[in-house]
Structures are given as C-alpha cells and as structure tokens.
C-alpha cells in the first residue's frame, strides 16, 4: 500500500513540476528519487514475504528511512498519510520480529 502511494505521488510530482510549472531537470530528479523509493518499498515487501530472515533488517532500515523522509513535510496530507502507514508498518515489523527471525 505504501509503495502504491509513492508511485501515485511520483506521477503527480512529475506532472506538476514538468507539465504545469515547466521545471524540467528538477522534475526528472524528483520523479526518479520517488520512483526508486517506491520500487525499493515494493521489492522489500515482496522479498520479506519470501525470505524473511535475511531481509528483515534491511527492510526495517528502509521503512525507517522512509519514515524520516515523510517527517520532512508533515504539513502535506500525502506525507502525513505516508508517515502513519510507515509507523504502522514499523510497529508490525517490530511486533513480528521473533516470528521472522526464528525461521531457519
């Protein structure tokens, strides 16, 4: 769900910056950054479902980094929603830590 949120926001940012405001280079940079973040969130979720022991900590680090990124602009509704989703994901990952790390 979080990855979908960032993919949609990536498309919106690119449209707003490139088409509406005509900021070519900065639109590409922002869109690429958001696309990489959304892709990494999606891949982490898929891999965590398959091989939980090896990817638990990298996924946790990625979620924490995304949470910090979301904290930078809490006045925007999208970032507030992303922060809440990230906080829920972090709490779920931490509560399921024993189950993930006990798998051989």
Protein backbone atom coordinates (compact mmCIF):
# COMPACT_ATOMS: atom_id res chain seq x y z
CA UNK A 1 0.00 0.00 0.00
CA UNK A 2 2.82 2.37 0.84
CA UNK A 3 4.58 1.67 -2.46
CA UNK A 4 1.39 2.43 -4.39
CA UNK A 5 1.05 5.71 -2.51
CA UNK A 6 4.59 6.72 -3.53
CA UNK A 7 4.10 5.62 -7.16
CA UNK A 8 0.99 7.80 -7.43
CA UNK A 9 2.80 10.70 -5.78
CA UNK A 10 5.73 10.24 -8.19
CA UNK A 11 3.40 10.62 -11.16
CA UNK A 12 1.72 13.65 -9.60
CA UNK A 13 5.03 15.37 -8.78
CA UNK A 14 6.35 14.79 -12.28
CA UNK A 15 3.16 16.13 -13.85
CA UNK A 16 3.06 19.16 -11.57
CA UNK A 17 6.72 20.06 -11.96
CA UNK A 18 7.20 19.27 -15.66
CA UNK A 19 3.86 19.99 -17.31
CA UNK A 20 2.38 22.69 -15.09
CA UNK A 21 5.49 24.55 -13.84
CA UNK A 22 7.97 23.69 -16.63
CA UNK A 23 10.81 22.65 -14.29
CA UNK A 24 12.40 20.00 -16.49
CA UNK A 25 15.58 18.88 -14.71
CA UNK A 26 14.23 19.11 -11.18
CA UNK A 27 11.08 17.21 -12.22
CA UNK A 28 13.19 14.34 -13.51
CA UNK A 29 15.35 14.25 -10.38
CA UNK A 30 12.35 14.30 -8.02
CA UNK A 31 10.48 11.69 -10.05
CA UNK A 32 13.49 9.38 -10.17
CA UNK A 33 14.03 9.72 -6.41
CA UNK A 34 10.39 8.94 -5.64
CA UNK A 35 10.33 6.08 -8.17
CA UNK A 36 13.41 4.49 -6.58
CA UNK A 37 11.85 4.86 -3.12
CA UNK A 38 8.55 3.31 -4.23
CA UNK A 39 10.30 0.48 -6.07
CA UNK A 40 12.50 -0.32 -3.09
CA UNK A 41 9.46 -0.35 -0.78
CA UNK A 42 7.64 -2.73 -3.14
CA UNK A 43 10.63 -5.06 -3.56
CA UNK A 44 11.24 -5.11 0.20
CA UNK A 45 7.65 -6.13 0.81
CA UNK A 46 7.77 -8.91 -1.77
CA UNK A 47 11.14 -10.24 -0.59
CA UNK A 48 10.14 -10.03 3.07
CA UNK A 49 7.22 -12.32 2.30
CA UNK A 50 9.54 -14.93 0.75
CA UNK A 51 12.81 -14.89 2.71
CA UNK A 52 12.11 -13.15 5.99
CA UNK A 53 15.28 -13.87 7.95
CA UNK A 54 17.83 -12.37 5.56
CA UNK A 55 15.85 -9.28 4.66
CA UNK A 56 14.21 -8.35 7.95
CA UNK A 57 16.78 -5.74 8.99
CA UNK A 58 17.29 -4.15 5.53
CA UNK A 59 13.51 -3.82 5.22
CA UNK A 60 13.32 -2.27 8.68
CA UNK A 61 16.05 0.21 7.76
CA UNK A 62 14.24 1.10 4.53
CA UNK A 63 10.98 1.72 6.38
CA UNK A 64 12.76 3.88 8.96
CA UNK A 65 14.41 5.92 6.19
CA UNK A 66 11.04 6.36 4.51
CA UNK A 67 9.56 7.47 7.82
CA UNK A 68 12.30 10.07 8.22
CA UNK A 69 11.64 11.24 4.67
CA UNK A 70 7.94 11.55 5.49
CA UNK A 71 8.71 13.61 8.60
CA UNK A 72 10.33 16.31 6.48
CA UNK A 73 6.98 17.61 5.26
CA UNK A 74 4.16 16.65 7.61
CA UNK A 75 2.13 19.69 6.58
CA UNK A 76 1.32 17.93 3.27
CA UNK A 77 -1.54 15.42 3.55
CA UNK A 78 0.28 12.77 1.49
CA UNK A 79 3.33 12.86 3.74
CA UNK A 80 1.13 12.65 6.82
CA UNK A 81 -0.63 9.57 5.41
CA UNK A 82 2.74 8.04 4.44
CA UNK A 83 4.07 8.72 7.95
CA UNK A 84 1.09 6.98 9.56
CA UNK A 85 1.40 4.00 7.20
CA UNK A 86 5.15 3.79 7.89
CA UNK A 87 4.58 3.95 11.65
CA UNK A 88 2.06 1.09 11.41
CA UNK A 89 4.48 -0.97 9.28
CA UNK A 90 7.34 -0.38 11.74
CA UNK A 91 5.20 -1.39 14.70
CA UNK A 92 4.01 -4.52 12.88
CA UNK A 93 7.55 -5.49 11.87
CA UNK A 94 8.84 -5.00 15.39
CA UNK A 95 5.98 -6.97 16.91
CA UNK A 96 6.58 -9.84 14.46
CA UNK A 97 10.37 -9.79 14.88
CA UNK A 98 10.51 -13.10 16.76
CA UNK A 99 8.46 -14.89 14.10
CA UNK A 100 10.60 -13.56 11.27
CA UNK A 101 13.96 -14.20 12.90
CA UNK A 102 13.12 -17.68 14.25
CA UNK A 103 12.64 -19.09 10.72
CA UNK A 104 15.76 -21.04 9.66
